[in-house]
Protein backbone atom coordinates (compact mmCIF):
# COMPACT_ATOMS: atom_id res chain seq x y z
CA MET A 1 -166.07 179.95 1.08
CA THR A 2 -167.28 183.33 0.00
CA ARG A 3 -164.86 186.18 0.80
CA ASN A 4 -166.29 189.15 2.68
CA ARG A 5 -166.70 192.26 0.59
CA GLU A 6 -165.54 195.56 2.21
CA LEU A 7 -166.24 199.20 1.21
CA SER A 8 -164.15 202.01 2.47
CA ILE A 9 -165.59 205.55 2.42
CA PHE A 10 -163.24 208.53 2.95
CA ILE A 11 -164.60 211.86 3.94
CA ASP A 12 -163.20 215.41 3.95
CA GLU A 13 -164.53 218.87 4.30
CA SER A 14 -163.52 222.49 3.29
CA GLY A 15 -164.64 225.67 4.89
CA GLU A 16 -166.37 226.82 8.04
CA LEU A 17 -170.13 226.94 8.20
CA SER A 18 -170.39 229.88 10.70
CA ALA A 19 -167.51 232.10 9.43
CA PRO A 20 -168.48 235.51 8.10
CA CYS A 21 -168.56 235.85 4.26
CA ARG A 22 -169.19 238.39 1.57
CA LEU A 23 -172.31 238.57 -0.48
CA ASN A 24 -170.45 239.90 -3.52
CA SER A 25 -167.53 237.44 -3.44
CA CYS A 26 -166.87 233.75 -3.75
CA LYS A 27 -164.06 234.02 -1.28
CA ASP A 28 -165.07 231.81 1.67
CA ALA A 29 -168.57 231.45 0.37
CA PHE A 30 -168.72 227.78 -0.10
CA TYR A 31 -168.66 224.74 2.25
CA VAL A 32 -167.87 221.40 0.74
CA VAL A 33 -168.14 217.80 1.87
CA SER A 34 -166.57 215.10 -0.21
CA LEU A 35 -166.91 211.35 -0.07
CA VAL A 36 -164.63 208.92 -1.82
CA PHE A 37 -165.90 205.32 -2.26
CA HIS A 38 -163.39 202.42 -2.61
CA ASP A 39 -164.53 198.77 -2.99
CA GLN A 40 -161.56 196.85 -1.52
CA ASP A 41 -161.94 194.24 -4.31
CA VAL A 42 -160.46 197.02 -6.57
CA ASP A 43 -156.70 196.84 -5.91
CA ILE A 44 -155.04 200.30 -5.90
CA SER A 45 -151.79 199.22 -4.21
CA SER A 46 -149.73 199.66 -7.38
CA LEU A 47 -151.12 203.13 -7.79
CA VAL A 48 -150.23 204.04 -4.27
CA ASP A 49 -146.71 202.53 -4.73
CA ASP A 50 -146.21 204.52 -7.99
CA LEU A 51 -147.31 207.78 -6.36
CA ASN A 52 -144.95 207.18 -3.31
CA TYR A 53 -142.06 206.41 -5.60
CA GLU A 54 -142.74 209.52 -7.68
CA LEU A 55 -142.88 211.69 -4.49
CA ASP A 56 -139.61 210.24 -3.29
CA ILE A 57 -137.67 210.71 -6.48
CA MET A 58 -138.88 214.38 -6.81
CA LYS A 59 -136.44 215.27 -4.02
CA ILE A 60 -138.55 218.16 -2.94
CA PRO A 61 -137.55 219.40 0.60
CA GLY A 62 -140.07 218.41 3.17
CA ILE A 63 -141.97 216.14 0.79
CA SER A 64 -141.76 212.35 1.03
CA LYS A 65 -144.10 209.37 0.34
CA ASN A 66 -145.57 209.83 3.85
CA HIS A 67 -146.55 213.47 3.09
CA ALA A 68 -150.35 214.25 2.93
CA LEU A 69 -150.90 216.60 0.11
CA HIS A 70 -153.23 219.48 0.74
CA SER A 71 -154.25 220.71 -2.62
CA TYR A 72 -155.77 224.10 -1.91
CA ASN A 73 -152.73 225.14 0.25
CA LEU A 74 -150.53 223.82 -2.53
CA ILE A 75 -152.17 226.05 -5.15
CA ARG A 76 -151.93 229.10 -3.04
CA GLY A 77 -148.34 228.46 -1.70
CA GLU A 78 -149.54 228.30 1.86
CA ARG A 79 -148.12 226.33 4.67
CA PRO A 80 -146.46 223.84 4.38
CA TYR A 81 -145.58 224.70 0.79
CA GLU A 82 -144.47 228.42 1.11
CA SER A 83 -140.88 227.59 0.52
CA LEU A 84 -141.53 225.72 -2.75
CA ASP A 85 -141.44 227.50 -6.15
CA ILE A 86 -144.31 227.33 -8.50
CA ARG A 87 -142.69 224.77 -10.66
CA GLU A 88 -142.38 222.39 -7.74
CA ARG A 89 -145.95 223.09 -6.64
CA HIS A 90 -147.18 222.38 -10.14
CA LYS A 91 -145.38 218.89 -10.16
CA LEU A 92 -146.96 218.01 -6.84
CA PHE A 93 -150.31 219.01 -7.83
CA ASN A 94 -150.20 217.16 -11.08
CA LYS A 95 -149.19 213.98 -9.18
CA ALA A 96 -152.30 214.23 -7.00
CA VAL A 97 -154.50 214.88 -9.96
CA ASP A 98 -152.98 211.93 -11.94
CA PHE A 99 -153.41 209.64 -8.88
CA ALA A 100 -157.05 210.59 -8.47
CA GLY A 101 -157.76 210.05 -12.22
CA SER A 102 -156.04 206.61 -12.24
CA CYS A 103 -158.13 205.58 -9.25
CA ALA A 104 -161.28 206.72 -10.97
CA ARG A 105 -160.54 204.71 -14.12
CA ILE A 106 -160.50 201.44 -12.07
CA GLY A 107 -163.62 202.13 -10.12
CA VAL A 108 -163.04 204.51 -7.21
CA ALA A 109 -165.84 207.05 -7.18
CA GLY A 110 -166.56 210.36 -5.46
CA LYS A 111 -169.48 212.53 -4.45
CA MET A 112 -169.52 216.12 -3.28
CA CYS A 113 -171.98 218.32 -1.52
CA VAL A 114 -171.44 222.05 -2.04
CA VAL A 115 -173.20 224.63 0.12
CA ASP A 116 -173.28 228.31 -0.90
CA ARG A 117 -173.21 230.02 2.42
CA ARG A 118 -174.19 233.36 0.95
CA HIS A 119 -177.80 232.09 0.84
CA TYR A 120 -177.76 231.88 4.67
CA CYS A 121 -176.03 235.29 5.37
CA GLU A 122 -177.57 238.03 7.41
CA PRO A 123 -176.51 241.53 6.65
CA ASP A 124 -174.29 242.93 9.45
CA SER A 125 -174.07 246.76 9.35
CA ALA A 126 -171.13 246.69 11.77
CA ARG A 127 -169.17 244.46 9.41
CA GLY A 128 -169.82 246.55 6.28
CA VAL A 129 -169.88 244.27 3.21
CA ASN A 130 -169.31 241.20 5.37
CA CYS A 131 -172.29 239.11 6.53
CA ARG A 132 -172.72 237.03 9.66
CA ILE A 133 -174.11 233.48 9.90
CA SER A 134 -176.55 233.24 12.84
CA GLU A 135 -176.93 229.94 14.85
CA SER A 136 -180.34 229.29 13.34
CA ARG A 137 -178.91 229.72 9.74
CA ARG A 138 -175.93 227.48 10.63
CA GLN A 139 -178.38 224.78 11.84
CA ALA A 140 -180.24 225.12 8.57
CA MET A 141 -177.11 224.38 6.64
CA GLU A 142 -176.39 221.44 8.92
CA ALA A 143 -179.77 220.07 8.24
CA LYS A 144 -179.29 220.47 4.43
CA ILE A 145 -176.07 218.60 4.64
CA HIS A 146 -177.65 215.88 6.81
CA ASN A 147 -180.49 215.41 4.34
CA TRP A 148 -178.09 215.19 1.41
CA LEU A 149 -176.04 212.52 3.10
CA ASP A 150 -179.26 210.68 4.10
CA ASP A 151 -180.54 210.74 0.55
CA LEU A 152 -177.13 209.64 -0.80
CA ILE A 153 -176.96 206.62 1.50
CA LEU A 154 -180.69 205.60 0.75
CA ASP A 155 -180.35 206.09 -3.06
CA ASN A 156 -177.40 203.76 -2.91
CA ARG A 157 -178.69 201.40 -0.23
CA ASP A 158 -179.04 198.39 -2.60
CA ASP A 159 -175.39 198.61 -3.53
CA LEU A 160 -174.32 199.23 0.04
CA CYS A 161 -176.02 196.14 1.18
CA THR A 162 -173.97 194.04 -1.04
CA PHE A 163 -170.88 194.69 1.22
CA ASP A 164 -170.40 192.84 4.40
CA THR A 165 -168.31 195.64 6.00
CA ILE A 166 -168.50 199.36 5.40
CA LYS A 167 -165.65 201.37 7.06
CA VAL A 168 -166.16 205.13 7.26
CA TYR A 169 -162.99 207.20 7.66
CA TYR A 170 -163.22 210.76 8.86
CA ASP A 171 -160.58 212.46 11.13
CA ASN A 172 -163.15 214.39 13.08
CA GLY A 173 -161.67 217.65 11.92
CA GLN A 174 -165.00 219.25 12.59
CA LYS A 175 -166.89 217.56 15.42
CA TRP A 176 -170.36 218.51 14.31
CA LEU A 177 -169.75 216.93 10.91
CA GLY A 178 -168.31 213.79 12.60
CA ASP A 179 -171.48 213.48 14.81
CA LEU A 180 -173.59 214.01 11.68
CA ILE A 181 -171.74 211.20 9.77
CA HIS A 182 -172.19 208.93 12.68
CA GLU A 183 -175.92 209.58 13.01
CA SER A 184 -176.72 209.27 9.29
CA PHE A 185 -174.74 206.11 8.72
CA SER A 186 -175.80 204.45 11.89
CA ARG A 187 -179.47 205.03 11.09
CA ASN A 188 -179.38 204.05 7.40
CA VAL A 189 -176.85 201.17 7.40
CA VAL A 190 -177.13 197.88 9.22
CA GLU A 191 -175.12 198.27 12.39
CA ASP A 192 -173.27 194.92 12.06
CA GLU A 193 -171.77 196.13 8.71
CA LEU A 194 -170.58 199.43 9.93
CA VAL A 195 -167.16 200.44 11.30
CA PHE A 196 -166.14 204.10 12.10
CA LYS A 197 -162.38 204.88 11.74
CA GLU A 198 -161.64 208.20 13.48
CA LYS A 199 -158.13 208.00 14.75
CA VAL A 200 -156.78 208.41 11.30
CA SER A 201 -154.52 210.87 9.41
CA PRO A 202 -154.45 211.88 5.64
CA SER A 203 -150.89 210.69 5.54
CA GLN A 204 -152.04 207.10 6.30
CA TYR A 205 -154.52 206.82 3.44
CA LYS A 206 -153.95 208.21 -0.08
CA LEU A 207 -157.60 208.33 -0.69
CA PHE A 208 -158.05 210.99 1.94
CA GLN A 209 -155.85 213.07 -0.29
CA VAL A 210 -158.26 212.35 -3.19
CA ALA A 211 -161.20 213.49 -0.96
CA ASP A 212 -159.21 216.73 -0.20
CA LEU A 213 -158.54 217.33 -3.99
CA LEU A 214 -162.31 216.85 -4.72
CA CYS A 215 -163.22 219.63 -2.28
CA THR A 216 -160.62 221.84 -4.05
CA TYR A 217 -161.96 220.82 -7.39
CA SER A 218 -165.45 221.91 -6.30
CA LEU A 219 -164.32 225.21 -4.99
CA LEU A 220 -162.31 226.06 -8.08
CA CYS A 221 -165.18 225.15 -10.35
CA LYS A 222 -167.42 227.51 -8.44
CA LYS A 223 -164.95 230.26 -8.71
CA ARG A 224 -164.21 229.82 -12.33
CA ALA A 225 -167.99 229.97 -13.08
CA VAL A 226 -167.88 233.56 -12.00
CA SER A 227 -164.34 234.42 -12.91
CA ASP A 228 -163.59 234.99 -9.23
CA TYR A 229 -160.10 233.56 -9.01
CA THR A 230 -157.74 235.21 -6.58
CA LYS A 231 -154.61 236.67 -7.79
CA MET A 232 -152.62 233.85 -6.11
CA THR A 233 -154.72 231.15 -7.77
CA CYS A 234 -154.54 232.85 -11.24
CA GLY A 235 -150.85 232.41 -11.38
CA PHE A 236 -151.27 228.55 -10.94
CA SER A 237 -152.28 226.60 -14.04
CA ILE A 238 -155.05 224.32 -12.83
CA PRO A 239 -156.38 221.29 -14.82
CA LEU A 240 -160.19 221.42 -14.07
CA SER A 241 -161.11 218.72 -16.52
CA LYS A 242 -163.41 216.29 -14.67
CA SER A 243 -161.95 213.33 -16.47
CA ARG A 244 -158.49 214.14 -15.18
CA ILE A 245 -159.59 214.26 -11.61
CA MET A 246 -162.43 211.83 -11.03
CA ALA A 247 -164.15 210.47 -14.13
CA THR A 248 -167.03 208.93 -12.15
CA THR A 249 -167.63 212.04 -9.82
CA GLU A 250 -170.96 213.81 -9.74
CA THR A 251 -171.11 217.18 -8.15
CA GLU A 252 -174.27 217.81 -6.05
CA GLU A 253 -175.03 221.18 -4.76
CA THR A 254 -177.17 222.13 -1.79
CA LEU A 255 -178.56 225.62 -1.81
């Protein structure tokens, strides 16, 4: 009897499409969507067990194997990491990077879409150097992301069709994106193969944390390209080698 093949897709996002941004700065300029693909025939249980063990033995207050690492907050020392010193934050970040790299080496893959929101800004004299995002410009960005996701699914449709079940994990952190994910996958994937998992938490699935890390990786690469690291980020040594994070990741940018 042939065993059913199952693909899990974990989705995360970083940023707010309609938030004001600055034309002359990378701060808050980018919106990122990341997808992590896991063929369930590839067993990552030992990697998860190793990560959980490492988190437990670190004995860092407030951090346990059930903790969901938020990499950008970790770098910047923001909640819930404000009480940790930089050495402890480095150790946690490196654990997340090592886990992602180990997953990549056995077949877990990632894709990212990066939107530069400055291309959609409208000057706002009342805000000085800040620019606002109108509803029509926001809709234009949503359409770009929608098209990117449609193209990604269609370009990989032959591979997707080899799976009996495709489970899409997104915590509906941004409802519009959740609706977009539903529409795109429902239209482009055979309905009987598709399962949406929304009542989920990053603490339940370590690959959610990899999706989070890929968003941070994309943001930092964009900032490094123009030397626009913030002071808080500059004090944190960050391994931006793609091979360390996701060996099979391709960054795709939507302008």
